[in-house]
Amino acid sequence: MQAEATARLASLIRDVPDFPKPGIVFKDFTPLLADPSALALAVELMANPFRGRKIDLVLGAESRGFIFGIAIAQSLSAGFVPVRKPGKLPRDVHSVDYALEYGTDRLEMHADAARPGQRVLMVDDLLATGGTMEAACTLVEKTGAQIVGMTVLIELEFLNARAKLARHGEVHSVLKF
């Protein structure tokens, strides 16, 4: 059953060569989003390993992490915390700079978005090098909240991000390429 479900979802992921730059094969999941039953299935498969784990907050990174994060938060009866790019949040923030392939970027989260002891599930659409997820985990750790795990729709296994993130908790991915 699980294999059939993941095969169905994988069939809705389109490879887009040379996007956003030459040599990159972009995994476009917008066909999956356009299919209501596939979207519901993806959310369930991302959320299911964390059911019964007393998740207080789901954190999603801008912008594609919002798509799945809010749906998973609702599915787990948890709150949602957005992690944004600089200058998008109106109150005091925690921020972290992180490395990109060519340069750096910054993520921010409201300083009071999570409290010590709260249990947080990290969500994003794709796990590639792990830079964004690592930065988001650092933001949560600044609040004293506990990271229960991370869940993503797609993991690019050949980039080995899972090993980099293991210290933060369980890493779950629905589709592996």
Protein backbone atom coordinates (compact mmCIF):
# COMPACT_ATOMS: atom_id res chain seq x y z
CA MET A 1 0.00 0.00 0.00
CA GLN A 2 2.76 2.46 0.97
CA ALA A 3 4.70 1.65 -2.20
CA GLU A 4 1.61 2.28 -4.35
CA ALA A 5 0.96 5.58 -2.59
CA THR A 6 4.50 6.85 -3.01
CA ALA A 7 4.60 5.69 -6.65
CA ARG A 8 1.42 7.69 -7.29
CA LEU A 9 2.94 10.81 -5.73
CA ALA A 10 6.26 10.33 -7.54
CA SER A 11 4.40 10.16 -10.86
CA LEU A 12 3.21 13.73 -10.22
CA ILE A 13 6.72 15.15 -9.72
CA ARG A 14 8.15 16.65 -12.89
CA ASP A 15 11.86 17.08 -13.58
CA VAL A 16 12.73 20.48 -15.02
CA PRO A 17 16.31 20.45 -16.34
CA ASP A 18 18.59 23.46 -15.96
CA PHE A 19 16.35 25.31 -13.49
CA PRO A 20 17.07 27.61 -11.74
CA LYS A 21 20.51 27.36 -13.35
CA PRO A 22 22.36 25.04 -15.73
CA GLY A 23 23.12 21.61 -14.32
CA ILE A 24 20.29 21.62 -11.75
CA VAL A 25 17.31 19.30 -12.22
CA PHE A 26 14.42 20.99 -10.41
CA LYS A 27 11.77 18.73 -8.83
CA ASP A 28 8.47 20.47 -9.67
CA PHE A 29 5.70 19.27 -7.38
CA THR A 30 3.02 21.72 -8.57
CA PRO A 31 1.19 18.95 -10.49
CA LEU A 32 0.83 17.14 -7.14
CA LEU A 33 -0.59 20.30 -5.54
CA ALA A 34 -3.20 20.56 -8.30
CA ASP A 35 -4.51 17.05 -7.55
CA PRO A 36 -6.68 17.21 -4.39
CA SER A 37 -6.35 13.55 -3.47
CA ALA A 38 -2.58 13.54 -4.08
CA LEU A 39 -2.15 16.66 -1.96
CA ALA A 40 -4.16 15.08 0.88
CA LEU A 41 -2.11 11.89 0.57
CA ALA A 42 1.19 13.79 0.65
CA VAL A 43 0.14 15.68 3.79
CA GLU A 44 -0.94 12.44 5.50
CA LEU A 45 2.28 10.62 4.60
CA MET A 46 4.34 13.55 5.88
CA ALA A 47 2.34 13.83 9.13
CA ASN A 48 1.70 10.17 9.99
CA PRO A 49 5.10 9.32 11.55
CA PHE A 50 4.55 12.14 14.04
CA ARG A 51 0.99 11.33 15.14
CA GLY A 52 0.72 10.72 18.86
CA ARG A 53 4.05 12.46 19.46
CA LYS A 54 2.49 15.53 21.13
CA ILE A 55 3.60 18.08 18.54
CA ASP A 56 2.88 21.62 19.78
CA LEU A 57 4.12 23.55 16.76
CA VAL A 58 4.89 22.89 13.13
CA LEU A 59 7.54 25.15 11.62
CA GLY A 60 7.69 25.80 7.88
CA ALA A 61 10.33 27.76 5.99
CA GLU A 62 9.36 30.34 3.37
CA SER A 63 7.79 29.73 1.05
CA ARG A 64 7.19 26.14 0.03
CA GLY A 65 7.43 24.97 3.64
CA PHE A 66 4.27 27.01 4.25
CA ILE A 67 2.31 24.89 1.74
CA PHE A 68 2.78 21.65 3.63
CA GLY A 69 3.45 23.09 7.07
CA ILE A 70 0.05 24.65 7.62
CA ALA A 71 -1.78 21.54 6.37
CA ILE A 72 0.36 19.28 8.60
CA ALA A 73 -0.17 21.57 11.59
CA GLN A 74 -3.92 21.33 11.09
CA SER A 75 -3.69 17.55 10.66
CA LEU A 76 -1.73 17.22 13.93
CA SER A 77 -3.84 19.78 15.85
CA ALA A 78 -0.73 21.91 16.31
CA GLY A 79 0.11 25.56 15.80
CA PHE A 80 2.14 26.85 12.87
CA VAL A 81 5.28 29.02 12.93
CA PRO A 82 6.51 30.69 9.73
CA VAL A 83 10.23 31.12 9.13
CA ARG A 84 10.75 34.02 6.76
CA LYS A 85 13.37 35.82 4.77
CA PRO A 86 14.76 39.02 6.33
CA GLY A 87 12.47 41.99 6.93
CA LYS A 88 9.16 40.14 6.61
CA LEU A 89 8.26 39.71 10.29
CA PRO A 90 7.00 42.73 12.27
CA ARG A 91 8.29 41.99 15.81
CA ASP A 92 11.57 41.01 17.46
CA VAL A 93 13.18 38.11 15.64
CA HIS A 94 15.86 35.51 16.00
CA SER A 95 17.91 35.31 12.82
CA VAL A 96 20.54 33.02 11.39
CA ASP A 97 22.77 33.29 8.35
CA TYR A 98 23.46 30.13 6.38
CA ALA A 99 25.55 29.09 3.42
CA LEU A 100 24.21 28.67 -0.08
CA GLU A 101 26.12 27.18 -2.97
CA TYR A 102 27.21 30.71 -3.97
CA GLY A 103 27.01 33.04 -0.98
CA THR A 104 24.80 33.25 2.09
CA ASP A 105 21.19 33.87 3.02
CA ARG A 106 19.33 34.62 6.22
CA LEU A 107 16.20 33.25 7.88
CA GLU A 108 14.18 34.85 10.65
CA MET A 109 11.55 33.74 13.14
CA HIS A 110 9.67 35.73 15.77
CA ALA A 111 11.68 35.49 18.98
CA ASP A 112 8.56 34.49 20.92
CA ALA A 113 7.22 32.01 18.34
CA ALA A 114 8.22 28.99 20.41
CA ARG A 115 8.77 28.54 24.13
CA PRO A 116 11.15 26.30 26.07
CA GLY A 117 9.80 22.78 26.24
CA GLN A 118 7.43 23.06 23.28
CA ARG A 119 7.70 20.17 20.83
CA VAL A 120 8.34 21.27 17.25
CA LEU A 121 8.07 19.44 13.93
CA MET A 122 10.12 20.97 11.11
CA VAL A 123 8.52 20.86 7.62
CA ASP A 124 9.72 21.68 4.13
CA ASP A 125 8.99 20.53 0.61
CA LEU A 126 12.49 19.37 -0.29
CA LEU A 127 15.62 18.28 1.51
CA ALA A 128 18.67 18.86 -0.68
CA THR A 129 21.90 20.02 1.00
CA GLY A 130 20.12 20.64 4.31
CA GLY A 131 21.19 24.28 4.63
CA THR A 132 17.70 25.72 5.03
CA MET A 133 16.59 23.00 7.44
CA GLU A 134 19.78 23.35 9.50
CA ALA A 135 19.23 27.11 9.74
CA ALA A 136 15.58 26.64 10.76
CA CYS A 137 16.63 24.12 13.43
CA THR A 138 19.12 26.66 14.79
CA LEU A 139 16.30 29.21 15.10
CA VAL A 140 14.14 26.76 17.07
CA GLU A 141 17.04 25.85 19.35
CA LYS A 142 17.51 29.55 20.20
CA THR A 143 14.03 29.50 21.78
CA GLY A 144 14.67 26.46 23.98
CA ALA A 145 11.95 24.47 22.21
CA GLN A 146 12.56 20.79 21.41
CA ILE A 147 12.79 19.57 17.83
CA VAL A 148 10.93 16.27 17.57
CA GLY A 149 11.80 15.68 13.95
CA MET A 150 11.78 16.87 10.36
CA THR A 151 9.46 15.85 7.55
CA VAL A 152 9.75 16.63 3.85
CA LEU A 153 7.96 15.56 0.71
CA ILE A 154 11.15 15.01 -1.34
CA GLU A 155 14.67 14.08 -0.29
CA LEU A 156 17.59 14.19 -2.71
CA GLU A 157 19.54 11.36 -1.08
CA PHE A 158 22.73 11.82 -3.09
CA LEU A 159 23.35 15.13 -1.30
CA ASN A 160 23.56 13.40 2.13
CA ALA A 161 21.71 16.06 4.12
CA ARG A 162 20.18 13.43 6.41
CA ALA A 163 23.55 12.80 8.10
CA LYS A 164 24.06 16.54 8.61
CA LEU A 165 20.64 16.91 10.29
CA ALA A 166 20.58 13.71 12.40
CA ARG A 167 21.71 15.56 15.54
CA HIS A 168 18.44 17.54 15.45
CA GLY A 169 16.17 14.49 15.44
CA GLU A 170 14.39 12.07 13.16
CA VAL A 171 14.36 12.88 9.44
CA HIS A 172 11.36 11.58 7.47
CA SER A 173 10.89 11.89 3.73
CA VAL A 174 8.03 10.59 1.60
CA LEU A 175 9.85 10.45 -1.74
CA LYS A 176 13.54 9.78 -2.22
CA PHE A 177 15.43 10.55 -5.40
